[in-house]
Structures are given as structure tokens and as C-alpha cells.
């Protein structure tokens, strides 16, 4: 399993994963983009608050996608049962 070291919001993080490097780079870019959005407005927000807001936002996105996927799977099952 390859290991990676990336820097997100000035914090260096090392980890191992089965994900390939392009996937890691896309994830890192998404995190940096979200951090930039959260820190707009010129106010100072501590790294801890930024990380917490980022985690909450991404968890909400994940849960919403799971809800939508479940709805689509139910709809597909409905359509299959009509056949």
C-alpha cells in the first residue's frame, strides 16, 4: 500500500492508502478549495475551526449523496419490478 505526504492548509499529513496518486491530488485540491471558501471574508478562523467546518460540510455532502443514491436505487428497483 503506497504512502503519501500532503500538505493541507499548512498542515503536513502522512498516510497510507490504496488510492492512486491522481485521486489523492484531486482530494487535496478539493480540500484546499473548501478551505479557501471557508476562510473568505478576511476574518481569522483558527485551523481547528476550519477543520471542523470542513469536516461538517463534507459529512453533510456525503450524507446527502447517500440519501440521493438510496432514492435512485429504490427507483431503479421499482422500475425493475414493473418488468
C-alpha atoms as a PDB file:
ATOM      1  CA  UNK A   1       0.000   0.000   0.000  1.00  0.00           C
ATOM      2  CA  UNK A   2       1.570   3.290  -1.084  1.00  0.00           C
ATOM      3  CA  UNK A   3       2.152   6.059   1.416  1.00  0.00           C
ATOM      4  CA  UNK A   4       1.656   9.757   0.754  1.00  0.00           C
ATOM      5  CA  UNK A   5       2.577  13.004   2.450  1.00  0.00           C
ATOM      6  CA  UNK A   6       0.478  16.016   1.524  1.00  0.00           C
ATOM      7  CA  UNK A   7       0.085  19.496   2.921  1.00  0.00           C
ATOM      8  CA  UNK A   8      -3.412  20.823   3.513  1.00  0.00           C
ATOM      9  CA  UNK A   9      -3.890  24.313   4.922  1.00  0.00           C
ATOM     10  CA  UNK A  10      -0.275  24.347   6.084  1.00  0.00           C
ATOM     11  CA  UNK A  11      -0.604  21.025   7.915  1.00  0.00           C
ATOM     12  CA  UNK A  12       1.566  18.153   6.689  1.00  0.00           C
ATOM     13  CA  UNK A  13      -0.221  14.802   6.757  1.00  0.00           C
ATOM     14  CA  UNK A  14       1.273  11.362   6.053  1.00  0.00           C
ATOM     15  CA  UNK A  15      -0.902   8.332   5.411  1.00  0.00           C
ATOM     16  CA  UNK A  16      -1.172   5.042   3.526  1.00  0.00           C
ATOM     17  CA  UNK A  17      -3.978   4.210   1.132  1.00  0.00           C
ATOM     18  CA  UNK A  18      -4.829   2.047  -1.850  1.00  0.00           C
ATOM     19  CA  UNK A  19      -5.937   5.168  -3.748  1.00  0.00           C
ATOM     20  CA  UNK A  20      -3.746   6.175  -6.670  1.00  0.00           C
ATOM     21  CA  UNK A  21      -1.846   9.461  -6.799  1.00  0.00           C
ATOM     22  CA  UNK A  22      -4.245  11.302  -9.156  1.00  0.00           C
ATOM     23  CA  UNK A  23      -7.118  10.535  -6.776  1.00  0.00           C
ATOM     24  CA  UNK A  24      -5.101  11.876  -3.834  1.00  0.00           C
ATOM     25  CA  UNK A  25      -4.276  15.035  -5.791  1.00  0.00           C
ATOM     26  CA  UNK A  26      -7.946  15.636  -6.646  1.00  0.00           C
ATOM     27  CA  UNK A  27      -8.921  15.125  -2.994  1.00  0.00           C
ATOM     28  CA  UNK A  28      -6.187  17.503  -1.852  1.00  0.00           C
ATOM     29  CA  UNK A  29      -7.326  20.125  -4.363  1.00  0.00           C
ATOM     30  CA  UNK A  30     -10.927  19.791  -3.127  1.00  0.00           C
ATOM     31  CA  UNK A  31      -9.797  20.293   0.476  1.00  0.00           C
ATOM     32  CA  UNK A  32      -7.746  23.348  -0.429  1.00  0.00           C
ATOM     33  CA  UNK A  33     -10.696  24.776  -2.386  1.00  0.00           C
ATOM     34  CA  UNK A  34     -13.063  24.231   0.540  1.00  0.00           C
ATOM     35  CA  UNK A  35     -10.555  25.779   2.965  1.00  0.00           C
ATOM     36  CA  UNK A  36     -10.278  28.837   0.700  1.00  0.00           C
ATOM     37  CA  UNK A  37     -14.087  29.181   0.613  1.00  0.00           C
ATOM     38  CA  UNK A  38     -14.372  28.894   4.390  1.00  0.00           C
ATOM     39  CA  UNK A  39     -11.651  31.433   5.084  1.00  0.00           C
ATOM     40  CA  UNK A  40     -13.000  34.131   2.724  1.00  0.00           C
ATOM     41  CA  UNK A  41     -14.084  37.426   4.173  1.00  0.00           C
ATOM     42  CA  UNK A  42     -10.838  38.436   5.801  1.00  0.00           C
ATOM     43  CA  UNK A  43     -11.740  37.114   9.252  1.00  0.00           C
ATOM     44  CA  UNK A  44      -9.252  34.958  11.078  1.00  0.00           C
ATOM     45  CA  UNK A  45     -10.583  31.489  11.733  1.00  0.00           C
ATOM     46  CA  UNK A  46      -8.440  29.063  13.697  1.00  0.00           C
ATOM     47  CA  UNK A  47      -7.188  25.930  11.988  1.00  0.00           C
ATOM     48  CA  UNK A  48      -9.282  23.837  14.380  1.00  0.00           C
ATOM     49  CA  UNK A  49     -12.472  25.669  13.437  1.00  0.00           C
ATOM     50  CA  UNK A  50     -11.617  25.446   9.740  1.00  0.00           C
ATOM     51  CA  UNK A  51     -11.032  21.690  10.053  1.00  0.00           C
ATOM     52  CA  UNK A  52     -14.270  21.247  11.981  1.00  0.00           C
ATOM     53  CA  UNK A  53     -16.280  23.270   9.458  1.00  0.00           C
ATOM     54  CA  UNK A  54     -14.666  21.352   6.618  1.00  0.00           C
ATOM     55  CA  UNK A  55     -15.459  18.006   8.250  1.00  0.00           C
ATOM     56  CA  UNK A  56     -19.073  19.036   8.912  1.00  0.00           C
ATOM     57  CA  UNK A  57     -19.538  20.298   5.352  1.00  0.00           C
ATOM     58  CA  UNK A  58     -18.060  17.178   3.790  1.00  0.00           C
ATOM     59  CA  UNK A  59     -20.025  14.891   6.107  1.00  0.00           C
ATOM     60  CA  UNK A  60     -23.210  16.706   5.111  1.00  0.00           C
ATOM     61  CA  UNK A  61     -22.305  16.354   1.410  1.00  0.00           C
ATOM     62  CA  UNK A  62     -21.626  12.645   1.913  1.00  0.00           C
ATOM     63  CA  UNK A  63     -24.892  12.039   3.761  1.00  0.00           C
ATOM     64  CA  UNK A  64     -26.865  13.939   1.118  1.00  0.00           C
ATOM     65  CA  UNK A  65     -25.269  11.893  -1.656  1.00  0.00           C
ATOM     66  CA  UNK A  66     -26.058   8.662   0.219  1.00  0.00           C
ATOM     67  CA  UNK A  67     -29.683   9.782   0.574  1.00  0.00           C
ATOM     68  CA  UNK A  68     -29.918  10.577  -3.136  1.00  0.00           C
ATOM     69  CA  UNK A  69     -28.272   7.282  -4.081  1.00  0.00           C
ATOM     70  CA  UNK A  70     -30.707   5.341  -1.895  1.00  0.00           C
ATOM     71  CA  UNK A  71     -33.589   7.135  -3.618  1.00  0.00           C
ATOM     72  CA  UNK A  72     -32.213   6.312  -7.057  1.00  0.00           C
ATOM     73  CA  UNK A  73     -31.653   2.673  -6.092  1.00  0.00           C
ATOM     74  CA  UNK A  74     -35.223   2.441  -4.816  1.00  0.00           C
ATOM     75  CA  UNK A  75     -36.486   3.977  -8.055  1.00  0.00           C
ATOM     76  CA  UNK A  76     -34.436   1.531 -10.146  1.00  0.00           C
ATOM     77  CA  UNK A  77     -35.744  -1.380  -8.101  1.00  0.00           C
ATOM     78  CA  UNK A  78     -39.288  -0.110  -8.694  1.00  0.00           C
ATOM     79  CA  UNK A  79     -38.668   0.023 -12.426  1.00  0.00           C
ATOM     80  CA  UNK A  80     -37.148  -3.453 -12.468  1.00  0.00           C
ATOM     81  CA  UNK A  81     -40.111  -4.889 -10.588  1.00  0.00           C
ATOM     82  CA  UNK A  82     -42.522  -3.472 -13.182  1.00  0.00           C
ATOM     83  CA  UNK A  83     -40.975  -5.624 -15.904  1.00  0.00           C
END
